[in-house]
């Protein structure tokens, strides 16, 4: 269920020429047209926007712009409002992109500052792991409580968004399928029917592509089952964290955040986990964080409610890395 589109800006008493100048100035500043009334006050209370650090297409006019369906550019405040109105706000990242984690930290800080954040849910920690304070805890204590895996998720990338939630006094909760359950999951054919056939085929194709065609075809179904089970786990455990009038921010990969392929498809199966007082089905808002490449178009990919463009990271030959790993085995 998508968030409803807000009503148009109320008429302004300013002369047309003055209003146009204000709209242009604000659009250049925050990435889209804004209503003047009430927006300036809310924007003043926001933390400073992150400074981007990555080099690819860093001078593109799309950097920092946020696009909704219908080719509508919106402000960061608008994203916060849409996120806050949802029970579950999916922040779909490129895992190794520092700017994406900086944007996540900004969103978490802003939501918490206004009392709108119920919890921070993490793909990066197993379900059952959580940190509930104190706010001034050292990073080492947070990592220990979450049983953080440095090999899979470098802490240097995730410290900013995770510690933003900790410093705000918000629970930080792992929601991913525990590592110890993955081998058994690969042998459970019931996961094959947990998504529509077209989605299953899409994920089988993605598994093959992401492994550079190096996996035997016989292994693809087992690997796809892990994907389905992980999405199911993140859906189930995130639902338990929802609270009336607040949102759960979930840090996850962009594929999991795709409403047509990932976590959102599994929410209905766990509706009973939704706490009392929460509407069913829960409202979901999915934000794609997209690093720019030279051929990136100003388009909203299917499966997301909005896309926030950042500079891109330098290209990496992941297939060469995977071949080297397989040769060592």
Protein backbone atom coordinates (compact mmCIF):
# COMPACT_ATOMS: atom_id res chain seq x y z
CA UNK A 1 0.00 0.00 0.00
CA UNK A 2 1.58 3.28 -1.06
CA UNK A 3 1.52 6.48 0.91
CA UNK A 4 -1.11 8.97 -0.26
CA UNK A 5 0.02 11.99 -2.25
CA UNK A 6 -0.17 15.19 -0.21
CA UNK A 7 -2.54 17.94 -1.24
CA UNK A 8 -1.27 20.79 -3.46
CA UNK A 9 0.28 23.88 -1.91
CA UNK A 10 -2.26 26.43 -0.69
CA UNK A 11 -2.49 29.66 -2.70
CA UNK A 12 0.13 32.21 -1.76
CA UNK A 13 -0.45 35.90 -1.16
CA UNK A 14 2.94 36.71 -2.67
CA UNK A 15 3.07 38.32 -6.12
CA UNK A 16 3.66 35.80 -8.92
CA UNK A 17 7.18 37.04 -9.70
CA UNK A 18 8.26 36.84 -6.06
CA UNK A 19 6.71 33.41 -5.63
CA UNK A 20 8.52 32.12 -8.72
CA UNK A 21 11.87 33.35 -7.38
CA UNK A 22 11.27 31.67 -4.04
CA UNK A 23 10.26 28.40 -5.68
CA UNK A 24 13.29 28.43 -7.93
CA UNK A 25 15.66 29.18 -5.03
CA UNK A 26 14.16 26.48 -2.84
CA UNK A 27 14.12 24.00 -5.71
CA UNK A 28 17.82 24.53 -6.34
CA UNK A 29 18.57 24.18 -2.64
CA UNK A 30 16.67 21.02 -1.75
CA UNK A 31 15.97 19.36 -5.05
CA UNK A 32 12.40 20.26 -5.91
CA UNK A 33 9.49 22.70 -5.59
CA UNK A 34 8.23 23.34 -2.07
CA UNK A 35 5.30 25.04 -0.40
CA UNK A 36 6.67 28.09 1.40
CA UNK A 37 4.14 28.07 4.22
CA UNK A 38 5.32 25.80 7.05
CA UNK A 39 8.23 24.29 5.13
CA UNK A 40 10.88 26.79 6.21
CA UNK A 41 10.15 26.19 9.88
CA UNK A 42 10.33 22.40 9.50
CA UNK A 43 13.49 22.59 7.38
CA UNK A 44 15.20 24.77 9.99
CA UNK A 45 14.76 22.01 12.55
CA UNK A 46 16.42 19.37 10.36
CA UNK A 47 20.04 18.24 10.80
CA UNK A 48 22.46 19.37 8.09
CA UNK A 49 22.26 17.27 4.95
CA UNK A 50 25.22 14.92 4.43
CA UNK A 51 28.19 15.87 2.31
CA UNK A 52 28.72 13.40 -0.50
CA UNK A 53 32.17 11.87 -0.81
CA UNK A 54 32.12 9.61 -3.87
CA UNK A 55 33.60 10.72 -7.21
CA UNK A 56 31.48 9.20 -9.99
CA UNK A 57 29.15 11.80 -11.56
CA UNK A 58 29.71 14.00 -8.51
CA UNK A 59 28.94 17.14 -10.56
CA UNK A 60 25.75 15.78 -12.08
CA UNK A 61 22.67 17.97 -11.60
CA UNK A 62 20.91 14.84 -10.32
CA UNK A 63 23.11 14.59 -7.22
CA UNK A 64 20.96 15.07 -4.15
CA UNK A 65 17.72 15.14 -6.13
CA UNK A 66 14.82 12.96 -4.98
CA UNK A 67 12.29 11.69 -7.51
CA UNK A 68 8.74 10.44 -7.03
CA UNK A 69 6.55 8.70 -9.58
CA UNK A 70 5.34 11.04 -12.31
CA UNK A 71 8.75 12.70 -12.64
CA UNK A 72 8.07 14.83 -9.56
CA UNK A 73 11.15 16.05 -7.69
CA UNK A 74 10.62 16.47 -3.95
CA UNK A 75 12.50 17.83 -0.95
CA UNK A 76 14.24 15.85 1.81
CA UNK A 77 11.50 17.06 4.17
CA UNK A 78 8.91 15.48 1.88
CA UNK A 79 10.78 12.17 2.06
CA UNK A 80 10.79 12.36 5.86
CA UNK A 81 7.06 13.06 5.89
CA UNK A 82 6.31 10.10 3.61
CA UNK A 83 8.61 7.87 5.64
CA UNK A 84 7.02 8.95 8.93
CA UNK A 85 3.51 8.26 7.63
CA UNK A 86 4.44 4.64 6.90
CA UNK A 87 4.65 1.89 9.50
CA UNK A 88 7.71 0.53 7.71
CA UNK A 89 10.21 2.69 5.83
CA UNK A 90 12.58 0.65 3.66
CA UNK A 91 15.91 2.36 2.96
CA UNK A 92 17.31 0.41 0.03
CA UNK A 93 21.07 0.81 -0.15
CA UNK A 94 24.12 -0.20 -2.11
CA UNK A 95 25.92 -1.95 0.73
CA UNK A 96 29.41 -0.61 0.02
CA UNK A 97 28.36 2.98 -0.69
CA UNK A 98 29.45 5.44 2.05
CA UNK A 99 27.09 8.19 0.86
CA UNK A 100 24.09 5.90 1.20
CA UNK A 101 24.90 5.27 4.83
CA UNK A 102 25.34 9.00 5.39
CA UNK A 103 21.86 9.63 3.96
CA UNK A 104 20.46 6.86 6.16
CA UNK A 105 22.03 8.44 9.22
CA UNK A 106 20.47 11.79 8.26
CA UNK A 107 17.02 10.24 7.88
CA UNK A 108 17.31 8.34 11.18
CA UNK A 109 18.47 11.44 13.05
CA UNK A 110 15.72 13.63 11.61
CA UNK A 111 12.94 11.10 12.30
CA UNK A 112 14.16 10.49 15.85
CA UNK A 113 14.53 14.20 16.55
CA UNK A 114 10.81 14.61 15.85
CA UNK A 115 9.77 11.54 17.83
CA UNK A 116 8.74 9.65 14.70
CA UNK A 117 11.09 6.66 14.84
CA UNK A 118 9.89 3.48 16.56
CA UNK A 119 13.02 1.39 15.89
CA UNK A 120 15.91 0.82 13.53
CA UNK A 121 15.75 -2.64 11.92
CA UNK A 122 18.85 -4.14 10.30
CA UNK A 123 19.46 -6.65 7.55
CA UNK A 124 23.03 -6.62 8.89
CA UNK A 125 22.21 -8.40 12.16
CA UNK A 126 20.45 -11.69 12.88
CA UNK A 127 16.91 -11.78 14.20
CA UNK A 128 17.07 -12.03 18.00
CA UNK A 129 19.99 -9.62 18.32
CA UNK A 130 19.25 -6.11 19.56
CA UNK A 131 20.57 -3.11 21.44
CA UNK A 132 18.28 -1.14 23.77
CA UNK A 133 20.60 1.41 25.29
CA UNK A 134 22.04 3.30 27.02
CA UNK A 135 22.33 6.22 24.63
CA UNK A 136 25.93 6.89 25.56
CA UNK A 137 27.09 3.31 25.01
CA UNK A 138 30.41 2.91 23.20
CA UNK A 139 30.36 1.48 19.70
CA UNK A 140 32.04 -1.71 20.91
CA UNK A 141 29.12 -2.44 23.24
CA UNK A 142 26.62 -1.92 20.43
CA UNK A 143 28.55 -4.24 18.14
CA UNK A 144 28.76 -6.88 20.83
CA UNK A 145 25.02 -6.80 21.52
CA UNK A 146 24.23 -7.13 17.83
CA UNK A 147 26.91 -9.83 17.30
CA UNK A 148 28.07 -7.68 14.41
CA UNK A 149 29.88 -9.52 11.59
CA UNK A 150 32.74 -7.36 10.40
CA UNK A 151 33.47 -9.74 7.52
CA UNK A 152 30.04 -9.33 5.98
CA UNK A 153 29.28 -5.76 7.02
CA UNK A 154 32.25 -3.42 7.64
CA UNK A 155 31.38 -1.42 10.77
CA UNK A 156 33.08 1.68 9.40
CA UNK A 157 30.28 1.93 6.82
CA UNK A 158 27.41 1.32 9.22
CA UNK A 159 28.54 3.11 12.36
CA UNK A 160 26.87 6.41 11.41
CA UNK A 161 23.28 5.17 10.88
CA UNK A 162 23.40 2.63 13.72
CA UNK A 163 24.88 5.03 16.25
CA UNK A 164 22.44 7.76 15.21
CA UNK A 165 19.65 5.48 16.43
CA UNK A 166 21.57 4.55 19.59
CA UNK A 167 22.23 8.20 20.49
CA UNK A 168 18.53 8.92 19.96
CA UNK A 169 17.54 6.19 22.40
CA UNK A 170 15.84 4.13 19.71
CA UNK A 171 16.02 0.28 19.75
CA UNK A 172 18.37 -1.19 17.14
CA UNK A 173 17.19 -4.65 16.15
CA UNK A 174 18.48 -7.41 13.87
CA UNK A 175 15.81 -8.89 11.60
CA UNK A 176 17.73 -11.06 9.14
CA UNK A 177 17.58 -14.84 8.89
CA UNK A 178 20.16 -16.14 11.37
CA UNK A 179 23.31 -17.44 9.74
CA UNK A 180 22.89 -20.82 11.44
CA UNK A 181 19.59 -21.42 9.65
CA UNK A 182 20.76 -20.79 6.11
CA UNK A 183 22.09 -24.26 5.30
CA UNK A 184 18.83 -25.89 6.35
CA UNK A 185 16.84 -23.28 4.40
CA UNK A 186 18.57 -24.29 1.18
CA UNK A 187 16.99 -27.76 1.49
CA UNK A 188 13.42 -26.53 2.16
CA UNK A 189 11.41 -26.56 -1.11
CA UNK A 190 8.40 -24.87 0.54
CA UNK A 191 10.18 -21.55 0.01
CA UNK A 192 9.80 -21.98 -3.76
CA UNK A 193 6.09 -21.22 -3.46
CA UNK A 194 6.43 -18.26 -1.09
CA UNK A 195 6.44 -15.77 -3.98
CA UNK A 196 4.65 -15.67 -7.36
CA UNK A 197 6.31 -17.76 -10.11
CA UNK A 198 7.42 -14.69 -12.07
CA UNK A 199 9.15 -13.29 -8.98
CA UNK A 200 10.86 -16.61 -8.30
CA UNK A 201 12.20 -16.68 -11.87
CA UNK A 202 13.41 -13.09 -11.57
CA UNK A 203 15.29 -13.93 -8.39
CA UNK A 204 16.76 -17.10 -9.92
CA UNK A 205 18.05 -14.97 -12.79
CA UNK A 206 19.43 -12.39 -10.36
CA UNK A 207 21.23 -15.06 -8.33
CA UNK A 208 22.85 -16.37 -11.51
CA UNK A 209 23.84 -12.88 -12.65
CA UNK A 210 25.13 -11.74 -9.27
CA UNK A 211 27.35 -14.83 -9.16
CA UNK A 212 28.66 -14.00 -12.64
CA UNK A 213 27.33 -17.22 -14.15
CA UNK A 214 29.82 -19.22 -12.08
CA UNK A 215 27.25 -21.19 -10.07
CA UNK A 216 26.00 -24.52 -11.45
CA UNK A 217 22.33 -24.28 -12.45
CA UNK A 218 21.53 -26.99 -9.92
CA UNK A 219 22.54 -24.65 -7.07
CA UNK A 220 20.36 -21.71 -8.09
CA UNK A 221 17.09 -22.90 -6.46
CA UNK A 222 18.84 -23.43 -3.11
CA UNK A 223 20.41 -19.97 -3.24
CA UNK A 224 17.06 -18.39 -4.15
CA UNK A 225 15.44 -20.07 -1.13
CA UNK A 226 17.84 -18.20 1.12
CA UNK A 227 16.74 -14.96 -0.53
CA UNK A 228 13.06 -15.75 0.07
CA UNK A 229 13.68 -16.80 3.66
CA UNK A 230 15.72 -13.68 4.40
CA UNK A 231 12.97 -11.42 3.04
CA UNK A 232 10.42 -13.39 5.06
CA UNK A 233 12.46 -13.01 8.24
CA UNK A 234 12.93 -9.29 7.74
CA UNK A 235 9.19 -8.85 7.11
CA UNK A 236 8.14 -10.88 10.14
CA UNK A 237 10.51 -9.34 12.65
CA UNK A 238 10.09 -5.77 11.40
CA UNK A 239 6.33 -6.01 11.86
CA UNK A 240 6.75 -6.75 15.57
CA UNK A 241 8.59 -3.43 15.98
CA UNK A 242 5.86 -1.22 14.50
CA UNK A 243 4.10 1.29 16.75
CA UNK A 244 1.04 3.53 16.14
CA UNK A 245 2.05 6.96 14.85
CA UNK A 246 5.70 6.02 14.27
CA UNK A 247 7.81 4.30 11.64
CA UNK A 248 10.36 1.50 11.66
CA UNK A 249 13.33 2.34 9.45
CA UNK A 250 14.84 -0.77 7.87
CA UNK A 251 18.36 -0.70 6.44
CA UNK A 252 18.53 -3.26 3.65
CA UNK A 253 19.86 -3.85 0.17
CA UNK A 254 18.04 -2.29 -2.75
CA UNK A 255 16.79 -5.66 -4.03
CA UNK A 256 15.15 -6.47 -0.69
CA UNK A 257 13.55 -3.01 -0.62
CA UNK A 258 11.93 -3.51 -4.03
CA UNK A 259 8.21 -3.76 -3.26
CA UNK A 260 7.63 -6.07 -6.25
CA UNK A 261 10.38 -8.56 -5.36
CA UNK A 262 11.41 -8.42 -1.72
CA UNK A 263 10.33 -7.85 1.85
CA UNK A 264 6.94 -6.29 1.07
CA UNK A 265 5.74 -9.51 -0.59
CA UNK A 266 6.07 -11.39 2.72
CA UNK A 267 4.31 -8.97 5.05
CA UNK A 268 0.82 -10.40 4.56
CA UNK A 269 1.93 -13.84 5.75
CA UNK A 270 2.87 -12.33 9.12
CA UNK A 271 -0.02 -9.93 9.68
CA UNK A 272 -0.72 -11.56 13.05
CA UNK A 273 2.62 -10.24 14.32
CA UNK A 274 1.43 -6.65 13.90
CA UNK A 275 0.99 -5.08 17.36
CA UNK A 276 -2.49 -3.98 18.52
CA UNK A 277 -3.53 -0.55 17.31
CA UNK A 278 -1.65 -0.82 14.02
CA UNK A 279 -3.66 -0.78 10.77
CA UNK A 280 -3.55 -3.88 8.60
CA UNK A 281 -2.09 -4.13 6.11
CA UNK A 282 0.68 -1.86 7.32
CA UNK A 283 1.68 1.08 5.18
CA UNK A 284 5.08 0.73 3.50
CA UNK A 285 7.32 3.41 1.98
CA UNK A 286 10.33 2.27 -0.05
CA UNK A 287 13.18 4.66 -0.80
CA UNK A 288 15.88 3.61 -3.25
CA UNK A 289 19.32 5.13 -2.68
CA UNK A 290 20.94 5.10 -6.11
CA UNK A 291 24.53 5.93 -6.95
CA UNK A 292 24.85 7.63 -10.31
CA UNK A 293 26.62 6.18 -13.33
CA UNK A 294 27.28 8.04 -16.61
CA UNK A 295 24.16 6.47 -18.16
CA UNK A 296 21.77 6.98 -15.23
CA UNK A 297 18.44 8.48 -16.24
CA UNK A 298 16.15 10.62 -14.10
CA UNK A 299 13.66 7.81 -13.65
CA UNK A 300 12.03 6.07 -10.71
CA UNK A 301 12.68 2.32 -11.00
CA UNK A 302 9.63 0.11 -10.61
CA UNK A 303 9.17 -1.25 -7.10
CA UNK A 304 10.04 1.93 -5.20
CA UNK A 305 8.10 4.95 -3.98
CA UNK A 306 11.02 7.37 -4.42
CA UNK A 307 14.67 7.42 -5.46
CA UNK A 308 17.39 9.59 -3.89
CA UNK A 309 20.32 10.10 -6.26
CA UNK A 310 23.88 10.27 -4.93
CA UNK A 311 27.27 10.23 -6.66
CA UNK A 312 28.37 6.75 -7.66
CA UNK A 313 31.24 4.66 -6.36
CA UNK A 314 34.21 3.77 -8.58
CA UNK A 315 33.54 0.60 -10.59
CA UNK A 316 34.71 -2.69 -9.10
CA UNK A 317 35.07 -5.97 -11.00
CA UNK A 318 33.13 -8.15 -8.57
CA UNK A 319 33.23 -11.08 -10.99
CA UNK A 320 37.04 -11.07 -10.95
CA UNK A 321 36.95 -11.06 -7.15
CA UNK A 322 34.50 -13.97 -7.11
CA UNK A 323 36.61 -15.98 -9.57
CA UNK A 324 39.66 -15.44 -7.37
CA UNK A 325 37.74 -16.62 -4.29
CA UNK A 326 36.51 -19.75 -6.06
CA UNK A 327 40.01 -20.58 -7.27
CA UNK A 328 41.28 -20.53 -3.69
CA UNK A 329 38.79 -23.18 -2.60
